[in-house]
C-alpha atoms as a PDB file:
ATOM      1  CA  MET A   1     -59.932 -16.446  -1.040  1.00  0.00           C
ATOM      2  CA  VAL A   2     -56.816 -17.036  -3.134  1.00  0.00           C
ATOM      3  CA  LYS A   3     -56.633 -20.385  -4.911  1.00  0.00           C
ATOM      4  CA  THR A   4     -54.020 -21.929  -7.191  1.00  0.00           C
ATOM      5  CA  VAL A   5     -54.421 -23.778 -10.475  1.00  0.00           C
ATOM      6  CA  SER A   6     -51.874 -25.678 -12.562  1.00  0.00           C
ATOM      7  CA  TYR A   7     -52.004 -25.487 -16.333  1.00  0.00           C
ATOM      8  CA  GLU A   8     -49.774 -26.025 -19.365  1.00  0.00           C
ATOM      9  CA  HIS A   9     -47.817 -23.014 -20.579  1.00  0.00           C
ATOM     10  CA  GLN A  10     -45.617 -22.451 -23.631  1.00  0.00           C
ATOM     11  CA  ASN A  11     -42.665 -20.088 -23.997  1.00  0.00           C
ATOM     12  CA  THR A  12     -39.916 -19.446 -26.527  1.00  0.00           C
ATOM     13  CA  TYR A  13     -36.120 -19.317 -26.331  1.00  0.00           C
ATOM     14  CA  GLU A  14     -33.355 -18.390 -28.765  1.00  0.00           C
ATOM     15  CA  LEU A  15     -30.545 -20.655 -29.964  1.00  0.00           C
ATOM     16  CA  LEU A  16     -27.787 -18.415 -31.288  1.00  0.00           C
ATOM     17  CA  TYR A  17     -25.098 -21.009 -31.951  1.00  0.00           C
ATOM     18  CA  PRO A  18     -25.966 -24.724 -32.059  1.00  0.00           C
ATOM     19  CA  ILE A  19     -24.391 -27.387 -29.878  1.00  0.00           C
ATOM     20  CA  THR A  20     -21.930 -29.634 -31.703  1.00  0.00           C
ATOM     21  CA  ASP A  21     -19.240 -32.157 -30.834  1.00  0.00           C
ATOM     22  CA  GLN A  22     -16.721 -29.277 -31.060  1.00  0.00           C
ATOM     23  CA  THR A  23     -18.618 -27.108 -28.568  1.00  0.00           C
ATOM     24  CA  GLU A  24     -16.590 -26.392 -25.432  1.00  0.00           C
ATOM     25  CA  ASN A  25     -18.985 -24.024 -23.639  1.00  0.00           C
ATOM     26  CA  ILE A  26     -22.782 -24.044 -23.608  1.00  0.00           C
ATOM     27  CA  TRP A  27     -23.927 -20.584 -22.506  1.00  0.00           C
ATOM     28  CA  VAL A  28     -27.363 -20.448 -20.871  1.00  0.00           C
ATOM     29  CA  CYS A  29     -28.234 -16.760 -20.746  1.00  0.00           C
ATOM     30  CA  PHE A  30     -30.776 -14.983 -18.532  1.00  0.00           C
ATOM     31  CA  HIS A  31     -31.602 -11.456 -19.673  1.00  0.00           C
ATOM     32  CA  GLY A  32     -32.415  -8.454 -17.492  1.00  0.00           C
ATOM     33  CA  LEU A  33     -35.687  -6.683 -16.783  1.00  0.00           C
ATOM     34  CA  GLY A  34     -37.288  -5.207 -19.885  1.00  0.00           C
ATOM     35  CA  TYR A  35     -35.323  -7.259 -22.420  1.00  0.00           C
ATOM     36  CA  LEU A  36     -36.458  -9.871 -24.906  1.00  0.00           C
ATOM     37  CA  ALA A  37     -34.305 -12.881 -25.766  1.00  0.00           C
ATOM     38  CA  THR A  38     -34.344 -12.035 -29.468  1.00  0.00           C
ATOM     39  CA  TYR A  39     -32.562  -8.738 -28.754  1.00  0.00           C
ATOM     40  CA  PHE A  40     -30.450  -9.887 -25.825  1.00  0.00           C
ATOM     41  CA  LYS A  41     -28.706 -12.488 -27.974  1.00  0.00           C
ATOM     42  CA  ARG A  42     -26.862  -9.721 -29.865  1.00  0.00           C
ATOM     43  CA  TYR A  43     -24.440  -9.417 -26.931  1.00  0.00           C
ATOM     44  CA  PHE A  44     -23.055 -12.875 -27.724  1.00  0.00           C
ATOM     45  CA  THR A  45     -22.720 -12.704 -31.509  1.00  0.00           C
ATOM     46  CA  LYS A  46     -18.947 -12.186 -31.386  1.00  0.00           C
ATOM     47  CA  LEU A  47     -18.245 -15.318 -29.366  1.00  0.00           C
ATOM     48  CA  ASP A  48     -16.445 -18.058 -31.262  1.00  0.00           C
ATOM     49  CA  SER A  49     -19.321 -20.118 -32.695  1.00  0.00           C
ATOM     50  CA  GLN A  50     -17.118 -23.197 -32.956  1.00  0.00           C
ATOM     51  CA  LYS A  51     -16.365 -23.246 -29.224  1.00  0.00           C
ATOM     52  CA  ASN A  52     -19.471 -21.579 -27.799  1.00  0.00           C
ATOM     53  CA  ALA A  53     -23.100 -22.609 -28.115  1.00  0.00           C
ATOM     54  CA  VAL A  54     -25.536 -19.955 -26.863  1.00  0.00           C
ATOM     55  CA  ILE A  55     -29.036 -20.534 -25.491  1.00  0.00           C
ATOM     56  CA  VAL A  56     -30.865 -17.310 -24.613  1.00  0.00           C
ATOM     57  CA  LEU A  57     -33.878 -17.907 -22.405  1.00  0.00           C
ATOM     58  CA  GLN A  58     -37.042 -15.787 -22.491  1.00  0.00           C
ATOM     59  CA  ALA A  59     -38.620 -14.406 -19.319  1.00  0.00           C
ATOM     60  CA  PRO A  60     -42.324 -15.332 -19.299  1.00  0.00           C
ATOM     61  CA  SER A  61     -44.079 -12.081 -18.355  1.00  0.00           C
ATOM     62  CA  LYS A  62     -44.144  -9.584 -21.217  1.00  0.00           C
ATOM     63  CA  PHE A  63     -45.194  -5.948 -20.937  1.00  0.00           C
ATOM     64  CA  TYR A  64     -45.032  -2.654 -22.849  1.00  0.00           C
ATOM     65  CA  ILE A  65     -41.995  -0.643 -21.774  1.00  0.00           C
ATOM     66  CA  ASP A  66     -42.936   2.691 -23.350  1.00  0.00           C
ATOM     67  CA  LYS A  67     -45.920   5.028 -23.160  1.00  0.00           C
ATOM     68  CA  GLY A  68     -46.633   4.530 -26.861  1.00  0.00           C
ATOM     69  CA  PHE A  69     -47.269   0.797 -26.332  1.00  0.00           C
ATOM     70  CA  LYS A  70     -44.853  -0.136 -29.127  1.00  0.00           C
ATOM     71  CA  ASN A  71     -41.812  -1.640 -27.412  1.00  0.00           C
ATOM     72  CA  VAL A  72     -42.126  -4.864 -25.453  1.00  0.00           C
ATOM     73  CA  GLY A  73     -39.927  -6.197 -22.680  1.00  0.00           C
ATOM     74  CA  ALA A  74     -40.183  -9.066 -20.229  1.00  0.00           C
ATOM     75  CA  CYS A  75     -39.780  -9.854 -16.548  1.00  0.00           C
ATOM     76  CA  TRP A  76     -38.780 -13.054 -14.771  1.00  0.00           C
ATOM     77  CA  LEU A  77     -40.612 -12.442 -11.516  1.00  0.00           C
ATOM     78  CA  THR A  78     -41.609  -9.784  -8.960  1.00  0.00           C
ATOM     79  CA  ARG A  79     -42.076  -9.597  -5.206  1.00  0.00           C
ATOM     80  CA  VAL A  80     -45.626 -10.966  -5.688  1.00  0.00           C
ATOM     81  CA  ASP A  81     -45.830 -14.788  -5.507  1.00  0.00           C
ATOM     82  CA  THR A  82     -42.052 -14.927  -5.891  1.00  0.00           C
ATOM     83  CA  ALA A  83     -41.592 -18.550  -4.817  1.00  0.00           C
ATOM     84  CA  GLN A  84     -44.392 -19.793  -7.066  1.00  0.00           C
ATOM     85  CA  GLU A  85     -43.168 -17.797 -10.061  1.00  0.00           C
ATOM     86  CA  MET A  86     -39.637 -19.090  -9.515  1.00  0.00           C
ATOM     87  CA  GLN A  87     -40.910 -22.661  -9.596  1.00  0.00           C
ATOM     88  CA  ASN A  88     -42.532 -21.857 -12.940  1.00  0.00           C
ATOM     89  CA  ASN A  89     -39.227 -20.430 -14.156  1.00  0.00           C
ATOM     90  CA  LEU A  90     -37.327 -23.503 -13.004  1.00  0.00           C
ATOM     91  CA  ALA A  91     -39.772 -25.800 -14.797  1.00  0.00           C
ATOM     92  CA  TYR A  92     -39.272 -23.784 -17.993  1.00  0.00           C
ATOM     93  CA  ILE A  93     -35.469 -23.759 -17.735  1.00  0.00           C
ATOM     94  CA  ASN A  94     -35.280 -27.484 -17.062  1.00  0.00           C
ATOM     95  CA  HIS A  95     -37.592 -28.229 -20.008  1.00  0.00           C
ATOM     96  CA  VAL A  96     -35.445 -26.122 -22.354  1.00  0.00           C
ATOM     97  CA  LEU A  97     -32.254 -27.866 -21.264  1.00  0.00           C
ATOM     98  CA  ARG A  98     -33.896 -31.267 -21.601  1.00  0.00           C
ATOM     99  CA  GLN A  99     -35.129 -30.380 -25.087  1.00  0.00           C
ATOM    100  CA  GLU A 100     -31.590 -29.363 -26.060  1.00  0.00           C
ATOM    101  CA  ARG A 101     -30.272 -32.496 -24.303  1.00  0.00           C
ATOM    102  CA  VAL A 102     -27.863 -30.556 -22.104  1.00  0.00           C
ATOM    103  CA  LEU A 103     -29.519 -30.678 -18.675  1.00  0.00           C
ATOM    104  CA  GLU A 104     -26.700 -32.846 -17.322  1.00  0.00           C
ATOM    105  CA  ASP A 105     -23.959 -31.455 -19.569  1.00  0.00           C
ATOM    106  CA  PRO A 106     -20.832 -30.308 -17.664  1.00  0.00           C
ATOM    107  CA  ARG A 107     -20.087 -27.700 -20.356  1.00  0.00           C
ATOM    108  CA  LEU A 108     -22.876 -25.423 -19.108  1.00  0.00           C
ATOM    109  CA  VAL A 109     -22.000 -21.781 -18.433  1.00  0.00           C
ATOM    110  CA  LEU A 110     -24.777 -19.915 -16.617  1.00  0.00           C
ATOM    111  CA  PHE A 111     -24.845 -16.201 -17.428  1.00  0.00           C
ATOM    112  CA  GLY A 112     -27.200 -13.828 -15.653  1.00  0.00           C
ATOM    113  CA  TYR A 113     -27.456 -10.107 -16.321  1.00  0.00           C
ATOM    114  CA  SER A 114     -29.261  -7.701 -13.967  1.00  0.00           C
ATOM    115  CA  GLN A 115     -32.514  -9.447 -12.927  1.00  0.00           C
ATOM    116  CA  GLY A 116     -31.166 -12.560 -14.628  1.00  0.00           C
ATOM    117  CA  VAL A 117     -28.585 -12.964 -11.847  1.00  0.00           C
ATOM    118  CA  SER A 118     -31.343 -13.910  -9.402  1.00  0.00           C
ATOM    119  CA  ILE A 119     -32.684 -16.522 -11.823  1.00  0.00           C
ATOM    120  CA  ALA A 120     -29.292 -18.008 -12.713  1.00  0.00           C
ATOM    121  CA  THR A 121     -28.229 -18.356  -9.065  1.00  0.00           C
ATOM    122  CA  ARG A 122     -31.561 -19.823  -7.994  1.00  0.00           C
ATOM    123  CA  PHE A 123     -31.358 -22.311 -10.848  1.00  0.00           C
ATOM    124  CA  LEU A 124     -27.868 -23.384  -9.810  1.00  0.00           C
ATOM    125  CA  ALA A 125     -29.040 -23.699  -6.205  1.00  0.00           C
ATOM    126  CA  GLN A 126     -31.313 -26.588  -7.229  1.00  0.00           C
ATOM    127  CA  HIS A 127     -29.200 -28.027 -10.063  1.00  0.00           C
ATOM    128  CA  THR A 128     -27.616 -31.336  -9.104  1.00  0.00           C
ATOM    129  CA  GLN A 129     -25.096 -31.772 -11.921  1.00  0.00           C
ATOM    130  CA  PRO A 130     -21.650 -30.156 -12.274  1.00  0.00           C
ATOM    131  CA  ILE A 131     -21.352 -27.112 -14.530  1.00  0.00           C
ATOM    132  CA  LYS A 132     -18.413 -25.154 -15.896  1.00  0.00           C
ATOM    133  CA  ALA A 133     -19.075 -21.605 -14.687  1.00  0.00           C
ATOM    134  CA  LEU A 134     -21.512 -19.125 -13.176  1.00  0.00           C
ATOM    135  CA  ILE A 135     -21.201 -15.549 -14.471  1.00  0.00           C
ATOM    136  CA  MET A 136     -23.117 -12.877 -12.527  1.00  0.00           C
ATOM    137  CA  HIS A 137     -23.316  -9.485 -14.248  1.00  0.00           C
ATOM    138  CA  SER A 138     -24.739  -6.331 -12.626  1.00  0.00           C
ATOM    139  CA  GLY A 139     -27.444  -8.000 -10.580  1.00  0.00           C
ATOM    140  CA  SER A 140     -28.395  -8.741  -6.981  1.00  0.00           C
ATOM    141  CA  ILE A 141     -27.927 -12.151  -5.413  1.00  0.00           C
ATOM    142  CA  PRO A 142     -31.160 -13.433  -3.785  1.00  0.00           C
ATOM    143  CA  ALA A 143     -31.281 -12.909  -0.032  1.00  0.00           C
ATOM    144  CA  GLU A 144     -32.436 -16.473   0.709  1.00  0.00           C
ATOM    145  CA  LEU A 145     -29.204 -18.053  -0.533  1.00  0.00           C
ATOM    146  CA  ASP A 146     -27.207 -19.139   2.518  1.00  0.00           C
ATOM    147  CA  GLU A 147     -24.250 -21.205   3.744  1.00  0.00           C
ATOM    148  CA  GLN A 148     -25.884 -24.430   2.545  1.00  0.00           C
ATOM    149  CA  THR A 149     -26.238 -22.857  -0.892  1.00  0.00           C
ATOM    150  CA  ALA A 150     -22.553 -21.943  -0.753  1.00  0.00           C
ATOM    151  CA  LYS A 151     -21.617 -25.590  -0.191  1.00  0.00           C
ATOM    152  CA  HIS A 152     -23.894 -26.636  -3.048  1.00  0.00           C
ATOM    153  CA  PHE A 153     -22.360 -24.048  -5.388  1.00  0.00           C
ATOM    154  CA  LYS A 154     -18.791 -25.112  -4.624  1.00  0.00           C
ATOM    155  CA  LYS A 155     -19.712 -28.771  -5.155  1.00  0.00           C
ATOM    156  CA  HIS A 156     -21.445 -28.226  -8.501  1.00  0.00           C
ATOM    157  CA  CYS A 157     -19.632 -25.334 -10.193  1.00  0.00           C
ATOM    158  CA  ASP A 158     -15.969 -25.012 -11.195  1.00  0.00           C
ATOM    159  CA  ARG A 159     -15.737 -21.242 -11.612  1.00  0.00           C
ATOM    160  CA  PHE A 160     -17.502 -18.130 -10.305  1.00  0.00           C
ATOM    161  CA  ILE A 161     -17.287 -14.723 -11.989  1.00  0.00           C
ATOM    162  CA  HIS A 162     -18.862 -11.442 -10.852  1.00  0.00           C
ATOM    163  CA  ILE A 163     -19.046  -8.339 -13.070  1.00  0.00           C
ATOM    164  CA  VAL A 164     -20.277  -4.890 -12.082  1.00  0.00           C
ATOM    165  CA  GLY A 165     -19.686  -1.530 -13.738  1.00  0.00           C
ATOM    166  CA  LEU A 166     -17.882   1.173 -11.763  1.00  0.00           C
ATOM    167  CA  ARG A 167     -20.452   3.718 -12.995  1.00  0.00           C
ATOM    168  CA  ASP A 168     -23.540   1.518 -12.577  1.00  0.00           C
ATOM    169  CA  GLU A 169     -26.331   3.991 -11.831  1.00  0.00           C
ATOM    170  CA  TYR A 170     -28.202   1.483  -9.648  1.00  0.00           C
ATOM    171  CA  LEU A 171     -25.372   1.219  -7.132  1.00  0.00           C
ATOM    172  CA  ASN A 172     -24.821   3.117  -3.909  1.00  0.00           C
ATOM    173  CA  ASP A 173     -22.668   2.457  -0.857  1.00  0.00           C
ATOM    174  CA  GLU A 174     -25.397   0.459   0.889  1.00  0.00           C
ATOM    175  CA  VAL A 175     -26.078  -1.791  -2.107  1.00  0.00           C
ATOM    176  CA  VAL A 176     -22.356  -2.372  -2.665  1.00  0.00           C
ATOM    177  CA  ALA A 177     -21.876  -3.375   0.994  1.00  0.00           C
ATOM    178  CA  ILE A 178     -24.820  -5.789   0.919  1.00  0.00           C
ATOM    179  CA  GLU A 179     -23.722  -7.476  -2.306  1.00  0.00           C
ATOM    180  CA  LYS A 180     -20.107  -7.718  -1.137  1.00  0.00           C
ATOM    181  CA  LYS A 181     -21.277  -9.520   2.005  1.00  0.00           C
ATOM    182  CA  LYS A 182     -23.335 -11.979  -0.071  1.00  0.00           C
ATOM    183  CA  LEU A 183     -20.408 -12.668  -2.395  1.00  0.00           C
ATOM    184  CA  GLU A 184     -18.051 -13.330   0.506  1.00  0.00           C
ATOM    185  CA  MET A 185     -20.552 -15.648   2.214  1.00  0.00           C
ATOM    186  CA  LEU A 186     -21.317 -17.674  -0.927  1.00  0.00           C
ATOM    187  CA  PHE A 187     -17.942 -17.781  -2.654  1.00  0.00           C
ATOM    188  CA  GLY A 188     -15.255 -16.612  -0.238  1.00  0.00           C
ATOM    189  CA  THR A 189     -12.138 -15.878  -2.277  1.00  0.00           C
ATOM    190  CA  ALA A 190     -13.169 -18.229  -5.084  1.00  0.00           C
ATOM    191  CA  CYS A 191     -15.090 -15.583  -7.046  1.00  0.00           C
ATOM    192  CA  GLU A 192     -13.338 -13.580  -9.753  1.00  0.00           C
ATOM    193  CA  ILE A 193     -14.336  -9.900  -9.555  1.00  0.00           C
ATOM    194  CA  HIS A 194     -14.382  -7.649 -12.622  1.00  0.00           C
ATOM    195  CA  THR A 195     -15.189  -3.926 -12.400  1.00  0.00           C
ATOM    196  CA  PRO A 196     -15.166  -2.432 -15.910  1.00  0.00           C
ATOM    197  CA  ASP A 197     -15.589   1.329 -16.298  1.00  0.00           C
ATOM    198  CA  ILE A 198     -19.176   1.142 -17.572  1.00  0.00           C
ATOM    199  CA  THR A 199     -22.721   2.010 -16.515  1.00  0.00           C
ATOM    200  CA  HIS A 200     -25.540  -0.541 -16.123  1.00  0.00           C
ATOM    201  CA  GLU A 201     -24.836  -2.248 -19.446  1.00  0.00           C
ATOM    202  CA  VAL A 202     -23.481  -5.531 -20.751  1.00  0.00           C
ATOM    203  CA  ALA A 203     -19.680  -5.602 -20.858  1.00  0.00           C
ATOM    204  CA  VAL A 204     -19.471  -7.243 -24.280  1.00  0.00           C
ATOM    205  CA  SER A 205     -15.694  -7.018 -24.726  1.00  0.00           C
ATOM    206  CA  LEU A 206     -15.087  -8.435 -21.261  1.00  0.00           C
ATOM    207  CA  LEU A 207     -17.413 -11.370 -21.967  1.00  0.00           C
ATOM    208  CA  GLU A 208     -15.462 -12.122 -25.124  1.00  0.00           C
ATOM    209  CA  GLU A 209     -12.243 -12.156 -23.085  1.00  0.00           C
ATOM    210  CA  ILE A 210     -13.765 -14.398 -20.419  1.00  0.00           C
ATOM    211  CA  ALA A 211     -15.083 -16.805 -23.072  1.00  0.00           C
ATOM    212  CA  GLN A 212     -11.515 -17.373 -24.262  1.00  0.00           C
ATOM    213  CA  THR A 213     -10.509 -18.529 -20.775  1.00  0.00           C
ATOM    214  CA  LEU A 214     -13.382 -20.922 -20.048  1.00  0.00           C
END
């Protein structure tokens, strides 16, 4: 017999650049599988700190990523209890944004990398306030997002950006076809597509260019 219990949980997050009256973009960043927020934040250190505030969220489930049990990474969720774990993630994200007093701020820029794409898009799917942009980098869009989600996205987000490396080692023809279909269904022609000549890695220079156009 499987039973469920609710309990209080604590988690960390990183604030790279603080939010000020001069801030134009508030980046909310979701790292990929095996990362930690404290290391993932290095990809945003060259953004203009006067215009860009950066909040790097921390996935809750930590694990050793090497056989020597020295290096630690984290995971947002798995195929086990996915819906329940996502509700936990949403509660965490909403609490962070409330604590930073930006939950209803229209300057929000959601950035998801790899596994973080599934978290960023699912967060936006339930977010009821307008945001500035959704940036999806080298990750899969959740299969449950549908035409109703598409309407919600277009109502609550001004700009959609998709980034995937031409040499991404996790891609094949089948994956590319599936993701292309999802993008067309959710965003139509409203999504900006970037295909830098990189592997499965963060396109730092491209993000810096995009930040200047937000």
